[in-house]
Protein backbone atom coordinates (compact mmCIF):
# COMPACT_ATOMS: atom_id res chain seq x y z
CA MET A 1 -15.18 -37.66 9.63
CA GLY A 2 -13.17 -35.56 7.18
CA LEU A 3 -9.53 -34.84 8.02
CA TYR A 4 -7.80 -31.67 6.89
CA LEU A 5 -4.07 -31.02 6.92
CA GLY A 6 -2.67 -27.55 7.34
CA VAL A 7 1.01 -26.76 6.86
CA ASP A 8 2.40 -23.37 7.81
CA GLY A 9 5.92 -23.05 6.48
CA GLY A 10 8.22 -20.28 7.64
CA GLY A 11 11.78 -19.12 7.59
CA THR A 12 12.53 -20.59 11.01
CA LYS A 13 10.02 -23.42 11.54
CA THR A 14 7.17 -25.30 9.88
CA ALA A 15 4.01 -26.33 11.73
CA PHE A 16 1.76 -29.24 10.71
CA VAL A 17 -1.82 -29.51 11.98
CA LEU A 18 -4.53 -32.12 11.43
CA ALA A 19 -8.08 -30.91 12.08
CA ASP A 20 -11.56 -32.34 11.65
CA GLU A 21 -14.56 -30.85 9.83
CA SER A 22 -15.45 -28.61 12.77
CA GLY A 23 -11.97 -27.08 12.84
CA THR A 24 -10.98 -28.94 16.00
CA GLN A 25 -7.26 -29.58 16.10
CA LEU A 26 -6.40 -33.27 16.41
CA ALA A 27 -2.61 -33.24 16.23
CA GLU A 28 0.27 -30.80 15.72
CA VAL A 29 4.00 -31.18 15.16
CA THR A 30 6.74 -28.77 14.15
CA GLY A 31 9.84 -29.08 12.01
CA PRO A 32 12.55 -26.90 10.44
CA GLY A 33 11.75 -23.97 8.18
CA THR A 34 10.87 -24.39 4.51
CA TYR A 35 12.42 -21.22 3.10
CA TYR A 36 14.38 -23.03 0.43
CA PHE A 37 15.79 -20.20 -1.70
CA PRO A 38 19.24 -20.16 -0.05
CA VAL A 39 19.70 -23.96 0.10
CA GLY A 40 17.66 -25.58 -2.67
CA ILE A 41 14.15 -26.94 -3.22
CA ASP A 42 15.03 -30.42 -1.89
CA LEU A 43 14.66 -28.93 1.58
CA VAL A 44 10.89 -28.72 1.09
CA GLU A 45 10.52 -32.45 0.42
CA ARG A 46 12.61 -33.39 3.44
CA VAL A 47 10.66 -31.15 5.81
CA LEU A 48 7.22 -32.01 4.40
CA GLY A 49 7.95 -35.73 4.34
CA ASP A 50 9.06 -35.84 7.94
CA GLY A 51 6.32 -33.51 9.21
CA VAL A 52 3.45 -35.29 7.47
CA ALA A 53 4.71 -38.66 8.71
CA ARG A 54 4.89 -37.42 12.30
CA VAL A 55 1.56 -35.55 12.40
CA THR A 56 -0.37 -38.46 10.86
CA ALA A 57 1.29 -40.86 13.30
CA ALA A 58 0.35 -38.57 16.18
CA ALA A 59 -3.28 -38.67 15.06
CA GLY A 60 -3.19 -42.40 14.28
CA VAL A 61 -4.16 -41.96 10.61
CA GLN A 62 -2.64 -42.41 7.17
CA ALA A 63 -1.90 -39.60 4.70
CA GLU A 64 -4.28 -41.24 2.19
CA THR A 65 -7.21 -40.53 4.52
CA ILE A 66 -6.68 -36.77 4.45
CA GLU A 67 -9.65 -35.17 2.70
CA ARG A 68 -7.65 -32.13 1.60
CA ALA A 69 -4.46 -30.31 2.53
CA PHE A 70 -3.18 -26.79 2.20
CA VAL A 71 0.58 -26.30 2.24
CA GLY A 72 1.64 -22.71 2.87
CA LEU A 73 5.26 -22.03 1.91
CA PRO A 74 7.39 -18.91 2.29
CA GLY A 75 8.38 -17.58 -1.11
CA HIS A 76 5.64 -19.47 -2.97
CA GLY A 77 4.73 -17.61 -6.14
CA GLU A 78 8.03 -15.72 -6.20
CA ALA A 79 9.81 -18.20 -8.49
CA SER A 80 7.25 -19.37 -11.03
CA ALA A 81 9.62 -21.99 -12.45
CA ASP A 82 9.46 -23.83 -9.10
CA LEU A 83 5.67 -24.13 -8.82
CA ALA A 84 5.31 -27.41 -10.70
CA GLU A 85 8.04 -29.04 -8.62
CA LEU A 86 6.50 -27.82 -5.35
CA ASP A 87 3.21 -29.43 -6.43
CA ALA A 88 5.05 -32.62 -7.38
CA ILE A 89 6.81 -32.73 -4.01
CA THR A 90 3.50 -32.39 -2.17
CA ARG A 91 1.94 -35.08 -4.35
CA ARG A 92 4.78 -37.49 -3.55
CA VAL A 93 4.56 -36.80 0.17
CA LEU A 94 0.77 -37.15 0.44
CA GLY A 95 0.31 -39.85 -2.18
CA HIS A 96 -2.72 -38.10 -3.72
CA ASP A 97 -3.84 -34.88 -5.48
CA ARG A 98 -6.21 -33.50 -2.86
CA PHE A 99 -4.13 -30.49 -1.93
CA ASP A 100 -3.29 -26.89 -2.70
CA VAL A 101 0.09 -25.24 -2.34
CA GLY A 102 0.28 -21.50 -1.82
CA ASN A 103 2.03 -18.73 0.04
CA ASP A 104 2.19 -19.01 3.82
CA ALA A 105 0.49 -15.61 4.04
CA VAL A 106 -2.78 -17.34 3.11
CA ALA A 107 -2.45 -19.60 6.15
CA GLY A 108 -1.88 -16.59 8.40
CA TRP A 109 -4.94 -14.83 7.03
CA ALA A 110 -7.20 -17.90 7.28
CA GLY A 111 -6.13 -18.54 10.87
CA SER A 112 -6.26 -15.00 12.17
CA LEU A 113 -9.66 -14.19 10.67
CA GLY A 114 -11.12 -17.69 10.55
CA GLY A 115 -11.28 -17.52 6.75
CA ALA A 116 -13.46 -14.38 6.80
CA ASP A 117 -12.93 -11.31 4.62
CA GLY A 118 -10.26 -8.98 5.91
CA ILE A 119 -6.50 -8.42 6.03
CA ASN A 120 -3.78 -10.21 7.97
CA ILE A 121 -0.23 -9.04 8.52
CA VAL A 122 2.50 -11.60 9.18
CA ALA A 123 5.65 -10.49 10.97
CA GLY A 124 7.96 -13.39 11.69
CA THR A 125 11.44 -13.91 10.24
CA GLY A 126 10.07 -11.98 7.24
CA SER A 127 6.94 -9.87 6.74
CA ILE A 128 3.99 -9.99 4.37
CA ALA A 129 0.35 -8.87 4.32
CA TYR A 130 -2.51 -10.70 2.60
CA GLY A 131 -6.23 -10.12 2.42
CA GLU A 132 -9.43 -11.16 0.72
CA TRP A 133 -12.46 -8.93 0.25
CA ARG A 134 -15.63 -9.78 -1.65
CA GLY A 135 -13.90 -12.18 -4.00
CA ALA A 136 -10.72 -10.15 -4.49
CA ALA A 137 -7.31 -11.12 -3.11
CA HIS A 138 -4.16 -9.03 -2.72
CA ARG A 139 -0.76 -9.23 -1.05
CA ALA A 140 1.94 -6.71 -0.19
CA GLY A 141 5.44 -7.22 1.12
CA GLY A 142 7.14 -10.58 1.30
CA TRP A 143 9.96 -9.35 -0.91
CA SER A 144 12.72 -10.99 1.20
CA GLU A 145 15.38 -9.37 3.31
CA VAL A 146 17.28 -8.21 0.22
CA PHE A 147 14.40 -5.93 -0.82
CA GLY A 148 13.10 -5.09 2.64
CA ASP A 149 10.91 -7.40 4.76
CA GLU A 150 10.16 -4.26 6.72
CA GLY A 151 8.96 -4.77 10.27
CA SER A 152 10.11 -8.39 10.37
CA ALA A 153 12.36 -9.97 12.98
CA TYR A 154 15.27 -9.89 10.54
CA TRP A 155 14.66 -6.21 9.70
CA VAL A 156 14.37 -5.26 13.39
CA ALA A 157 17.48 -7.25 14.28
CA VAL A 158 19.59 -5.68 11.52
CA ARG A 159 18.46 -2.23 12.60
CA GLY A 160 19.33 -3.23 16.16
CA LEU A 161 22.81 -4.38 15.17
CA ASN A 162 23.38 -1.06 13.43
CA VAL A 163 22.40 0.85 16.58
CA PHE A 164 24.56 -1.52 18.66
CA SER A 165 27.59 -0.69 16.52
CA ARG A 166 26.90 3.03 16.77
CA MET A 167 26.57 2.80 20.55
CA SER A 168 29.81 0.86 20.77
CA ASP A 169 31.66 3.44 18.65
CA GLY A 170 30.25 6.39 20.55
CA ARG A 171 28.24 7.64 17.56
CA LEU A 172 25.16 7.16 19.73
CA PRO A 173 24.91 7.34 23.53
CA ALA A 174 25.33 3.95 25.19
CA GLY A 175 22.02 2.28 26.00
CA LEU A 176 20.44 -0.95 27.16
CA LEU A 177 20.48 -2.34 23.62
CA GLN A 178 24.27 -2.43 23.56
CA THR A 179 24.43 -4.82 26.50
CA ALA A 180 21.38 -6.79 25.39
CA VAL A 181 22.88 -7.61 21.98
CA ARG A 182 26.24 -8.63 23.42
CA GLU A 183 24.61 -10.87 26.01
CA ARG A 184 22.18 -12.50 23.56
CA VAL A 185 25.01 -13.22 21.12
CA GLY A 186 27.20 -14.53 23.92
CA ALA A 187 30.15 -12.30 23.05
CA ALA A 188 32.80 -11.27 25.57
CA THR A 189 33.37 -7.87 23.92
CA ASP A 190 31.47 -5.70 21.45
CA LEU A 191 33.86 -6.50 18.59
CA ASP A 192 33.39 -10.22 19.24
CA VAL A 193 29.79 -9.77 18.05
CA ILE A 194 31.17 -9.44 14.51
CA GLY A 195 32.94 -12.79 14.79
CA VAL A 196 29.83 -14.55 16.04
CA VAL A 197 27.26 -13.03 13.67
CA VAL A 198 29.35 -12.87 10.49
CA ASP A 199 31.73 -15.81 10.92
CA ARG A 200 30.22 -18.38 13.29
CA TRP A 201 26.59 -17.76 12.25
CA GLY A 202 27.51 -17.10 8.62
CA ALA A 203 25.15 -14.07 8.73
CA LYS A 204 22.27 -16.51 8.33
CA ARG A 205 18.83 -14.95 8.12
CA ASP A 206 17.18 -16.97 10.90
CA ARG A 207 20.09 -16.58 13.32
CA ILE A 208 20.14 -12.82 12.84
CA ALA A 209 16.34 -12.68 13.21
CA SER A 210 16.71 -14.34 16.62
CA LEU A 211 18.24 -11.08 17.89
CA ALA A 212 14.97 -9.13 17.45
CA PRO A 213 13.94 -9.67 21.11
CA ALA A 214 17.08 -7.79 22.17
CA VAL A 215 15.53 -4.76 20.48
CA THR A 216 11.94 -5.16 21.66
CA GLU A 217 12.95 -5.97 25.24
CA SER A 218 15.38 -3.02 25.37
CA ALA A 219 12.63 -0.74 24.08
CA ALA A 220 10.23 -2.00 26.75
CA ALA A 221 12.89 -1.27 29.37
CA GLY A 222 13.24 2.33 28.22
CA ASP A 223 15.98 2.40 25.56
CA THR A 224 14.95 5.27 23.28
CA ALA A 225 17.00 4.13 20.28
CA ALA A 226 15.45 0.66 20.48
CA GLN A 227 12.00 2.23 20.85
CA ALA A 228 12.55 4.18 17.64
CA ILE A 229 13.16 0.89 15.82
CA VAL A 230 9.98 -0.60 17.32
CA ASP A 231 7.97 2.47 16.28
CA ASP A 232 9.35 2.28 12.74
CA ALA A 233 8.53 -1.44 12.57
CA GLY A 234 4.93 -0.79 13.59
CA ALA A 235 4.61 1.94 10.97
CA GLU A 236 6.05 -0.29 8.23
CA LEU A 237 3.68 -3.15 9.08
CA ALA A 238 0.73 -0.77 9.10
CA ALA A 239 1.79 0.53 5.68
CA LEU A 240 1.60 -3.03 4.31
CA VAL A 241 -1.97 -3.30 5.59
CA GLY A 242 -2.80 0.01 3.93
CA ALA A 243 -1.38 -1.23 0.62
CA VAL A 244 -3.49 -4.41 0.77
CA ARG A 245 -6.59 -2.42 1.63
CA THR A 246 -6.04 -0.26 -1.44
CA GLY A 247 -5.28 -3.28 -3.62
CA LEU A 248 -8.50 -4.98 -2.53
CA GLY A 249 -10.52 -1.93 -3.48
CA VAL A 250 -12.11 -1.49 -0.06
CA PRO A 251 -14.18 1.72 -0.27
CA PRO A 252 -12.87 4.58 1.92
CA GLY A 253 -15.99 4.64 4.07
CA GLU A 254 -15.97 0.93 4.94
CA THR A 255 -14.28 -0.75 7.87
CA VAL A 256 -12.18 -3.82 7.16
CA PRO A 257 -11.20 -6.42 9.81
CA VAL A 258 -7.44 -6.61 10.38
CA SER A 259 -5.51 -9.21 12.36
CA TYR A 260 -1.93 -10.36 12.77
CA SER A 261 0.30 -13.40 13.13
CA GLY A 262 3.99 -14.16 13.56
CA GLY A 263 6.45 -14.03 16.41
CA MET A 264 7.05 -10.27 16.30
CA PHE A 265 3.53 -9.64 17.59
CA LYS A 266 4.38 -11.41 20.84
CA ALA A 267 6.08 -8.13 21.77
CA ALA A 268 3.53 -5.73 23.24
CA GLY A 269 5.51 -2.78 21.91
CA ILE A 270 5.24 -4.00 18.32
CA ARG A 271 1.49 -4.53 18.66
CA ALA A 272 1.02 -1.06 20.15
CA ALA A 273 3.14 0.66 17.50
CA PHE A 274 1.31 -1.22 14.75
CA GLU A 275 -2.12 -0.34 16.09
CA ALA A 276 -1.17 3.33 16.47
CA ALA A 277 -0.04 3.53 12.84
CA LEU A 278 -2.98 1.71 11.20
CA PRO A 279 -4.85 3.72 8.58
CA PRO A 280 -8.47 4.76 9.24
CA GLY A 281 -11.19 2.17 8.69
CA CYS A 282 -9.26 -0.78 10.13
CA ASP A 283 -10.87 -2.89 12.86
CA LEU A 284 -7.96 -4.59 14.64
CA ARG A 285 -8.85 -7.99 16.04
CA ALA A 286 -6.94 -10.59 18.02
CA PRO A 287 -6.20 -13.74 16.00
CA VAL A 288 -8.89 -16.43 16.02
CA ALA A 289 -6.36 -19.22 15.44
CA GLY A 290 -2.75 -19.75 14.50
CA PRO A 291 -1.52 -20.05 10.89
CA ALA A 292 -1.17 -23.85 10.93
CA LEU A 293 -4.77 -24.38 11.99
CA GLY A 294 -5.63 -21.62 9.55
CA ALA A 295 -4.09 -23.68 6.76
CA ALA A 296 -6.33 -26.60 7.77
CA ILE A 297 -9.36 -24.27 7.84
CA TYR A 298 -8.44 -23.11 4.34
CA ALA A 299 -8.11 -26.72 3.18
CA ARG A 300 -11.65 -27.38 4.43
CA ARG A 301 -12.87 -24.28 2.60
CA ARG A 302 -11.21 -25.46 -0.62
CA ALA A 303 -12.80 -28.89 -0.23
CA ASP A 304 -16.22 -27.25 0.08
CA VAL A 305 -15.62 -25.11 -3.03
CA LEU A 306 -14.46 -28.07 -5.11
CA GLY A 307 -17.24 -30.32 -3.85
């Protein structure tokens, strides 16, 4: 029985899945995120080493018995000087060369669409879209929070903090979002939110992203300013899908399957806003599997291609 390892790295957490040839999941563990740009590439080896050790132990196997692995990492391909070292790290962790390392968007696509042609949009801590169509591949987004990461949890949270500050000042009418942010941060007063987010949290990307539910939940409860953020997020995510569709060269008259992954899509409002903004010719489908199992599915596909 062939064993396939899928690793779905993210800004907040990394999931490790072992699956068999049929795509049945045998074991899964999670660890910290693998977005190493702010802290250094050594983070990747620590997280991969621990995660692979735990998932193989959970399945009662050794890393040497893995037929092939796919390691999806946030930021992969965005610093070409790091690619050789990321391969070397994976080789050291697994103890063999039967692996591929790529962007985590590939894992999201393979999971959501079961490895079939189409487009997947990821909206977690960051955002990125990836698709494959008749042998072509294309991505859009994934530029990090400095450039945009539109529609992501970080982007939604920052927009929410801006509205929170405007509500507190009186530049916008007070709304549910004002209270929701203060309560989620655990601040006694509105101004204390600055001390928590900027000083105590160090304005860290993942901590700020954790405030996104304050926006989506306030929108669901009727806060119009929060709803405007949700609507904008859906439109931005749909625009990424449209860019990938164009990049893949999908003819205007053809329908392309579209799916989604990432924590932002747990919010019904985000899903609805995204669906409403999708360009024509998109067939929105619920995900077949999660990104970690998708990474294992992709590893199996690569094994088949390589023989």
